[in-house]
């Protein structure tokens, strides 16, 4: 049975799946922007909360989306 064809995109010299990229952006953007906009207090807090939202989004994306690359070293065993 043939595998379904997946479209890959080249982003910053890395190959990514289009669907995974879109889902990761849909997850990371609200977390980062939400942390920034909902932060209490004056000047440094929105930046810190936005960065914490970006970190949470990054951690969630690393757990949800596994790498799709295959590395061929040229050595045959």
PDB file of N, CA and C in Angstrom:
ATOM      1  N   UNK A   1       0.848  -1.177   0.000  1.00  0.00           N
ATOM      2  CA  UNK A   1       0.000   0.000   0.000  1.00  0.00           C
ATOM      3  C   UNK A   1       0.895   1.244   0.000  1.00  0.00           C
ATOM      4  N   UNK A   2       0.733   2.138  -0.963  1.00  0.00           N
ATOM      5  CA  UNK A   2       1.586   3.328  -1.024  1.00  0.00           C
ATOM      6  C   UNK A   2       1.279   4.292   0.113  1.00  0.00           C
ATOM      7  N   UNK A   3       2.345   4.952   0.574  1.00  0.00           N
ATOM      8  CA  UNK A   3       2.186   5.945   1.630  1.00  0.00           C
ATOM      9  C   UNK A   3       1.587   7.220   1.043  1.00  0.00           C
ATOM     10  N   UNK A   4       0.748   7.911   1.817  1.00  0.00           N
ATOM     11  CA  UNK A   4       0.209   9.179   1.312  1.00  0.00           C
ATOM     12  C   UNK A   4       1.331  10.199   1.159  1.00  0.00           C
ATOM     13  N   UNK A   5       1.261  10.985   0.106  1.00  0.00           N
ATOM     14  CA  UNK A   5       2.302  11.983  -0.138  1.00  0.00           C
ATOM     15  C   UNK A   5       2.136  13.164   0.800  1.00  0.00           C
ATOM     16  N   UNK A   6       3.205  13.514   1.467  1.00  0.00           N
ATOM     17  CA  UNK A   6       3.189  14.649   2.382  1.00  0.00           C
ATOM     18  C   UNK A   6       3.944  15.799   1.730  1.00  0.00           C
ATOM     19  N   UNK A   7       3.375  16.977   1.797  1.00  0.00           N
ATOM     20  CA  UNK A   7       4.061  18.151   1.262  1.00  0.00           C
ATOM     21  C   UNK A   7       4.986  18.716   2.333  1.00  0.00           C
ATOM     22  N   UNK A   8       6.204  18.944   1.936  1.00  0.00           N
ATOM     23  CA  UNK A   8       7.188  19.507   2.834  1.00  0.00           C
ATOM     24  C   UNK A   8       7.560  20.905   2.372  1.00  0.00           C
ATOM     25  N   UNK A   9       7.864  21.756   3.339  1.00  0.00           N
ATOM     26  CA  UNK A   9       8.257  23.128   3.062  1.00  0.00           C
ATOM     27  C   UNK A   9       9.678  23.336   3.559  1.00  0.00           C
ATOM     28  N   UNK A  10      10.397  24.222   2.912  1.00  0.00           N
ATOM     29  CA  UNK A  10      11.748  24.549   3.335  1.00  0.00           C
ATOM     30  C   UNK A  10      11.704  25.874   4.091  1.00  0.00           C
ATOM     31  N   UNK A  11      11.936  25.817   5.402  1.00  0.00           N
ATOM     32  CA  UNK A  11      11.897  26.997   6.256  1.00  0.00           C
ATOM     33  C   UNK A  11      13.237  27.121   6.961  1.00  0.00           C
ATOM     34  N   UNK A  12      13.945  28.206   6.700  1.00  0.00           N
ATOM     35  CA  UNK A  12      15.253  28.462   7.300  1.00  0.00           C
ATOM     36  C   UNK A  12      16.181  27.257   7.156  1.00  0.00           C
ATOM     37  N   UNK A  13      16.282  26.752   5.945  1.00  0.00           N
ATOM     38  CA  UNK A  13      17.144  25.612   5.599  1.00  0.00           C
ATOM     39  C   UNK A  13      16.802  24.344   6.370  1.00  0.00           C
ATOM     40  N   UNK A  14      15.564  24.192   6.752  1.00  0.00           N
ATOM     41  CA  UNK A  14      15.098  22.967   7.382  1.00  0.00           C
ATOM     42  C   UNK A  14      13.804  22.548   6.697  1.00  0.00           C
ATOM     43  N   UNK A  15      13.588  21.260   6.556  1.00  0.00           N
ATOM     44  CA  UNK A  15      12.400  20.748   5.890  1.00  0.00           C
ATOM     45  C   UNK A  15      11.358  20.392   6.929  1.00  0.00           C
ATOM     46  N   UNK A  16      10.177  20.966   6.779  1.00  0.00           N
ATOM     47  CA  UNK A  16       9.099  20.742   7.747  1.00  0.00           C
ATOM     48  C   UNK A  16       7.822  20.360   7.005  1.00  0.00           C
ATOM     49  N   UNK A  17       6.941  19.649   7.709  1.00  0.00           N
ATOM     50  CA  UNK A  17       5.632  19.327   7.161  1.00  0.00           C
ATOM     51  C   UNK A  17       4.721  20.533   7.267  1.00  0.00           C
ATOM     52  N   UNK A  18       3.979  20.821   6.219  1.00  0.00           N
ATOM     53  CA  UNK A  18       3.115  22.008   6.206  1.00  0.00           C
ATOM     54  C   UNK A  18       2.036  21.965   7.268  1.00  0.00           C
ATOM     55  N   UNK A  19       1.442  20.796   7.466  1.00  0.00           N
ATOM     56  CA  UNK A  19       0.378  20.659   8.463  1.00  0.00           C
ATOM     57  C   UNK A  19       0.926  20.865   9.871  1.00  0.00           C
ATOM     58  N   UNK A  20       2.078  20.260  10.158  1.00  0.00           N
ATOM     59  CA  UNK A  20       2.686  20.411  11.483  1.00  0.00           C
ATOM     60  C   UNK A  20       3.104  21.853  11.743  1.00  0.00           C
ATOM     61  N   UNK A  21       3.604  22.524  10.717  1.00  0.00           N
ATOM     62  CA  UNK A  21       3.995  23.922  10.867  1.00  0.00           C
ATOM     63  C   UNK A  21       2.789  24.788  11.197  1.00  0.00           C
ATOM     64  N   UNK A  22       1.701  24.579  10.481  1.00  0.00           N
ATOM     65  CA  UNK A  22       0.487  25.362  10.715  1.00  0.00           C
ATOM     66  C   UNK A  22      -0.075  25.111  12.114  1.00  0.00           C
ATOM     67  N   UNK A  23      -0.111  23.852  12.546  1.00  0.00           N
ATOM     68  CA  UNK A  23      -0.623  23.540  13.882  1.00  0.00           C
ATOM     69  C   UNK A  23       0.274  24.101  14.984  1.00  0.00           C
ATOM     70  N   UNK A  24       1.582  24.051  14.783  1.00  0.00           N
ATOM     71  CA  UNK A  24       2.481  24.585  15.805  1.00  0.00           C
ATOM     72  C   UNK A  24       2.365  26.106  15.905  1.00  0.00           C
ATOM     73  N   UNK A  25       2.151  26.770  14.763  1.00  0.00           N
ATOM     74  CA  UNK A  25       1.933  28.223  14.810  1.00  0.00           C
ATOM     75  C   UNK A  25       0.619  28.568  15.493  1.00  0.00           C
ATOM     76  N   UNK A  26      -0.405  27.748  15.241  1.00  0.00           N
ATOM     77  CA  UNK A  26      -1.716  27.980  15.883  1.00  0.00           C
ATOM     78  C   UNK A  26      -1.661  27.727  17.386  1.00  0.00           C
ATOM     79  N   UNK A  27      -0.706  26.964  17.841  1.00  0.00           N
ATOM     80  CA  UNK A  27      -0.545  26.709  19.270  1.00  0.00           C
ATOM     81  C   UNK A  27       0.351  27.759  19.926  1.00  0.00           C
ATOM     82  N   UNK A  28       1.455  28.091  19.292  1.00  0.00           N
ATOM     83  CA  UNK A  28       2.434  28.998  19.900  1.00  0.00           C
ATOM     84  C   UNK A  28       1.988  30.461  19.906  1.00  0.00           C
ATOM     85  N   UNK A  29       1.328  30.887  18.847  1.00  0.00           N
ATOM     86  CA  UNK A  29       0.954  32.300  18.746  1.00  0.00           C
ATOM     87  C   UNK A  29      -0.006  32.736  19.849  1.00  0.00           C
ATOM     88  N   UNK A  30      -1.097  32.001  20.113  1.00  0.00           N
ATOM     89  CA  UNK A  30      -1.981  32.449  21.205  1.00  0.00           C
ATOM     90  C   UNK A  30      -1.312  32.398  22.580  1.00  0.00           C
ATOM     91  N   UNK A  31      -0.442  31.421  22.794  1.00  0.00           N
ATOM     92  CA  UNK A  31       0.228  31.355  24.092  1.00  0.00           C
ATOM     93  C   UNK A  31       1.158  32.547  24.290  1.00  0.00           C
ATOM     94  N   UNK A  32       1.912  32.897  23.261  1.00  0.00           N
ATOM     95  CA  UNK A  32       2.840  34.019  23.379  1.00  0.00           C
ATOM     96  C   UNK A  32       2.103  35.347  23.479  1.00  0.00           C
ATOM     97  N   UNK A  33       1.164  35.568  22.573  1.00  0.00           N
ATOM     98  CA  UNK A  33       0.419  36.824  22.577  1.00  0.00           C
ATOM     99  C   UNK A  33      -0.472  36.938  23.816  1.00  0.00           C
ATOM    100  N   UNK A  34      -1.062  35.821  24.232  1.00  0.00           N
ATOM    101  CA  UNK A  34      -1.887  35.829  25.439  1.00  0.00           C
ATOM    102  C   UNK A  34      -1.078  36.167  26.673  1.00  0.00           C
ATOM    103  N   UNK A  35       0.119  35.604  26.773  1.00  0.00           N
ATOM    104  CA  UNK A  35       0.996  35.936  27.899  1.00  0.00           C
ATOM    105  C   UNK A  35       1.363  37.398  27.914  1.00  0.00           C
ATOM    106  N   UNK A  36       1.580  37.957  26.734  1.00  0.00           N
ATOM    107  CA  UNK A  36       1.951  39.370  26.647  1.00  0.00           C
ATOM    108  C   UNK A  36       0.776  40.284  26.988  1.00  0.00           C
ATOM    109  N   UNK A  37      -0.394  39.989  26.422  1.00  0.00           N
ATOM    110  CA  UNK A  37      -1.544  40.883  26.610  1.00  0.00           C
ATOM    111  C   UNK A  37      -2.199  40.753  27.977  1.00  0.00           C
ATOM    112  N   UNK A  38      -2.133  39.572  28.574  1.00  0.00           N
ATOM    113  CA  UNK A  38      -2.799  39.359  29.861  1.00  0.00           C
ATOM    114  C   UNK A  38      -1.875  39.547  31.061  1.00  0.00           C
ATOM    115  N   UNK A  39      -0.675  40.007  30.826  1.00  0.00           N
ATOM    116  CA  UNK A  39       0.294  40.168  31.917  1.00  0.00           C
ATOM    117  C   UNK A  39      -0.109  41.313  32.840  1.00  0.00           C
ATOM    118  N   UNK A  40       0.011  41.060  34.137  1.00  0.00           N
ATOM    119  CA  UNK A  40      -0.288  42.139  35.087  1.00  0.00           C
ATOM    120  C   UNK A  40       0.918  43.060  35.256  1.00  0.00           C
ATOM    121  N   UNK A  41       0.649  44.283  35.580  1.00  0.00           N
ATOM    122  CA  UNK A  41       1.713  45.187  35.976  1.00  0.00           C
ATOM    123  C   UNK A  41       2.373  45.955  34.852  1.00  0.00           C
ATOM    124  N   UNK A  42       3.372  46.759  35.244  1.00  0.00           N
ATOM    125  CA  UNK A  42       4.063  47.637  34.297  1.00  0.00           C
ATOM    126  C   UNK A  42       5.123  46.909  33.463  1.00  0.00           C
ATOM    127  N   UNK A  43       5.970  47.685  32.890  1.00  0.00           N
ATOM    128  CA  UNK A  43       6.873  47.366  31.782  1.00  0.00           C
ATOM    129  C   UNK A  43       7.509  45.974  31.711  1.00  0.00           C
ATOM    130  N   UNK A  44       8.254  45.459  32.645  1.00  0.00           N
ATOM    131  CA  UNK A  44       8.925  44.195  32.298  1.00  0.00           C
ATOM    132  C   UNK A  44       8.012  42.974  32.327  1.00  0.00           C
ATOM    133  N   UNK A  45       6.883  43.052  33.006  1.00  0.00           N
ATOM    134  CA  UNK A  45       6.030  41.868  33.151  1.00  0.00           C
ATOM    135  C   UNK A  45       5.422  41.362  31.839  1.00  0.00           C
ATOM    136  N   UNK A  46       4.929  42.221  30.942  1.00  0.00           N
ATOM    137  CA  UNK A  46       4.410  41.680  29.681  1.00  0.00           C
ATOM    138  C   UNK A  46       5.468  40.932  28.871  1.00  0.00           C
ATOM    139  N   UNK A  47       6.685  41.449  28.871  1.00  0.00           N
ATOM    140  CA  UNK A  47       7.759  40.778  28.153  1.00  0.00           C
ATOM    141  C   UNK A  47       8.057  39.417  28.763  1.00  0.00           C
ATOM    142  N   UNK A  48       8.138  39.361  30.068  1.00  0.00           N
ATOM    143  CA  UNK A  48       8.445  38.100  30.758  1.00  0.00           C
ATOM    144  C   UNK A  48       7.318  37.091  30.558  1.00  0.00           C
ATOM    145  N   UNK A  49       6.081  37.524  30.684  1.00  0.00           N
ATOM    146  CA  UNK A  49       4.951  36.608  30.496  1.00  0.00           C
ATOM    147  C   UNK A  49       4.829  36.146  29.043  1.00  0.00           C
ATOM    148  N   UNK A  50       5.129  37.018  28.093  1.00  0.00           N
ATOM    149  CA  UNK A  50       5.127  36.629  26.688  1.00  0.00           C
ATOM    150  C   UNK A  50       6.207  35.607  26.390  1.00  0.00           C
ATOM    151  N   UNK A  51       7.387  35.796  26.952  1.00  0.00           N
ATOM    152  CA  UNK A  51       8.469  34.827  26.773  1.00  0.00           C
ATOM    153  C   UNK A  51       8.145  33.493  27.434  1.00  0.00           C
ATOM    154  N   UNK A  52       7.485  33.536  28.581  1.00  0.00           N
ATOM    155  CA  UNK A  52       7.062  32.287  29.227  1.00  0.00           C
ATOM    156  C   UNK A  52       6.013  31.565  28.376  1.00  0.00           C
ATOM    157  N   UNK A  53       5.106  32.308  27.752  1.00  0.00           N
ATOM    158  CA  UNK A  53       4.131  31.703  26.849  1.00  0.00           C
ATOM    159  C   UNK A  53       4.804  31.070  25.645  1.00  0.00           C
ATOM    160  N   UNK A  54       5.833  31.727  25.111  1.00  0.00           N
ATOM    161  CA  UNK A  54       6.583  31.164  23.986  1.00  0.00           C
ATOM    162  C   UNK A  54       7.315  29.892  24.399  1.00  0.00           C
ATOM    163  N   UNK A  55       7.848  29.873  25.600  1.00  0.00           N
ATOM    164  CA  UNK A  55       8.542  28.682  26.097  1.00  0.00           C
ATOM    165  C   UNK A  55       7.568  27.519  26.284  1.00  0.00           C
ATOM    166  N   UNK A  56       6.395  27.794  26.826  1.00  0.00           N
ATOM    167  CA  UNK A  56       5.376  26.752  26.984  1.00  0.00           C
ATOM    168  C   UNK A  56       4.940  26.224  25.615  1.00  0.00           C
ATOM    169  N   UNK A  57       4.773  27.119  24.653  1.00  0.00           N
ATOM    170  CA  UNK A  57       4.424  26.702  23.297  1.00  0.00           C
ATOM    171  C   UNK A  57       5.516  25.855  22.668  1.00  0.00           C
ATOM    172  N   UNK A  58       6.761  26.228  22.875  1.00  0.00           N
ATOM    173  CA  UNK A  58       7.886  25.455  22.350  1.00  0.00           C
ATOM    174  C   UNK A  58       7.911  24.056  22.961  1.00  0.00           C
ATOM    175  N   UNK A  59       7.731  23.968  24.263  1.00  0.00           N
ATOM    176  CA  UNK A  59       7.732  22.658  24.916  1.00  0.00           C
ATOM    177  C   UNK A  59       6.568  21.789  24.440  1.00  0.00           C
ATOM    178  N   UNK A  60       5.395  22.386  24.270  1.00  0.00           N
ATOM    179  CA  UNK A  60       4.244  21.633  23.775  1.00  0.00           C
ATOM    180  C   UNK A  60       4.491  21.140  22.350  1.00  0.00           C
ATOM    181  N   UNK A  61       5.097  21.979  21.517  1.00  0.00           N
ATOM    182  CA  UNK A  61       5.372  21.580  20.137  1.00  0.00           C
ATOM    183  C   UNK A  61       6.404  20.460  20.060  1.00  0.00           C
ATOM    184  N   UNK A  62       7.395  20.480  20.939  1.00  0.00           N
ATOM    185  CA  UNK A  62       8.384  19.405  20.911  1.00  0.00           C
ATOM    186  C   UNK A  62       7.773  18.076  21.336  1.00  0.00           C
ATOM    187  N   UNK A  63       6.771  18.114  22.188  1.00  0.00           N
ATOM    188  CA  UNK A  63       6.118  16.877  22.605  1.00  0.00           C
ATOM    189  C   UNK A  63       5.083  16.395  21.583  1.00  0.00           C
ATOM    190  N   UNK A  64       4.424  17.309  20.898  1.00  0.00           N
ATOM    191  CA  UNK A  64       3.363  16.941  19.960  1.00  0.00           C
ATOM    192  C   UNK A  64       3.883  16.524  18.584  1.00  0.00           C
ATOM    193  N   UNK A  65       4.935  17.166  18.107  1.00  0.00           N
ATOM    194  CA  UNK A  65       5.393  16.944  16.740  1.00  0.00           C
ATOM    195  C   UNK A  65       6.805  16.359  16.754  1.00  0.00           C
ATOM    196  N   UNK A  66       6.918  15.129  16.324  1.00  0.00           N
ATOM    197  CA  UNK A  66       8.206  14.443  16.259  1.00  0.00           C
ATOM    198  C   UNK A  66       8.941  14.822  14.973  1.00  0.00           C
ATOM    199  N   UNK A  67      10.274  14.793  14.988  1.00  0.00           N
ATOM    200  CA  UNK A  67      11.035  15.098  13.765  1.00  0.00           C
ATOM    201  C   UNK A  67      10.721  14.103  12.655  1.00  0.00           C
ATOM    202  N   UNK A  68      10.740  14.590  11.433  1.00  0.00           N
ATOM    203  CA  UNK A  68      10.433  13.753  10.277  1.00  0.00           C
ATOM    204  C   UNK A  68      11.674  13.465   9.442  1.00  0.00           C
ATOM    205  N   UNK A  69      12.818  13.928   9.859  1.00  0.00           N
ATOM    206  CA  UNK A  69      14.001  13.783   9.026  1.00  0.00           C
ATOM    207  C   UNK A  69      14.654  12.420   9.202  1.00  0.00           C
ATOM    208  N   UNK A  70      15.318  12.012   8.165  1.00  0.00           N
ATOM    209  CA  UNK A  70      16.069  10.781   8.167  1.00  0.00           C
ATOM    210  C   UNK A  70      17.483  11.109   7.761  1.00  0.00           C
ATOM    211  N   UNK A  71      18.450  10.683   8.537  1.00  0.00           N
ATOM    212  CA  UNK A  71      19.849  11.009   8.269  1.00  0.00           C
ATOM    213  C   UNK A  71      20.539   9.784   7.692  1.00  0.00           C
ATOM    214  N   UNK A  72      21.090   9.932   6.509  1.00  0.00           N
ATOM    215  CA  UNK A  72      21.870   8.874   5.877  1.00  0.00           C
ATOM    216  C   UNK A  72      23.345   9.241   6.006  1.00  0.00           C
ATOM    217  N   UNK A  73      24.113   8.389   6.664  1.00  0.00           N
ATOM    218  CA  UNK A  73      25.526   8.676   6.859  1.00  0.00           C
ATOM    219  C   UNK A  73      26.395   8.116   5.744  1.00  0.00           C
ATOM    220  N   UNK A  74      25.856   7.264   4.914  1.00  0.00           N
ATOM    221  CA  UNK A  74      26.632   6.676   3.829  1.00  0.00           C
ATOM    222  C   UNK A  74      27.306   5.381   4.227  1.00  0.00           C
ATOM    223  N   UNK A  75      27.281   5.035   5.499  1.00  0.00           N
ATOM    224  CA  UNK A  75      27.880   3.791   5.953  1.00  0.00           C
ATOM    225  C   UNK A  75      26.864   2.673   5.832  1.00  0.00           C
ATOM    226  N   UNK A  76      27.318   1.552   5.321  1.00  0.00           N
ATOM    227  CA  UNK A  76      26.433   0.390   5.230  1.00  0.00           C
ATOM    228  C   UNK A  76      26.857  -0.637   6.254  1.00  0.00           C
ATOM    229  N   UNK A  77      25.898  -1.175   6.960  1.00  0.00           N
ATOM    230  CA  UNK A  77      26.208  -2.167   7.999  1.00  0.00           C
ATOM    231  C   UNK A  77      25.832  -3.536   7.496  1.00  0.00           C
TER     232      UNK A  77
END
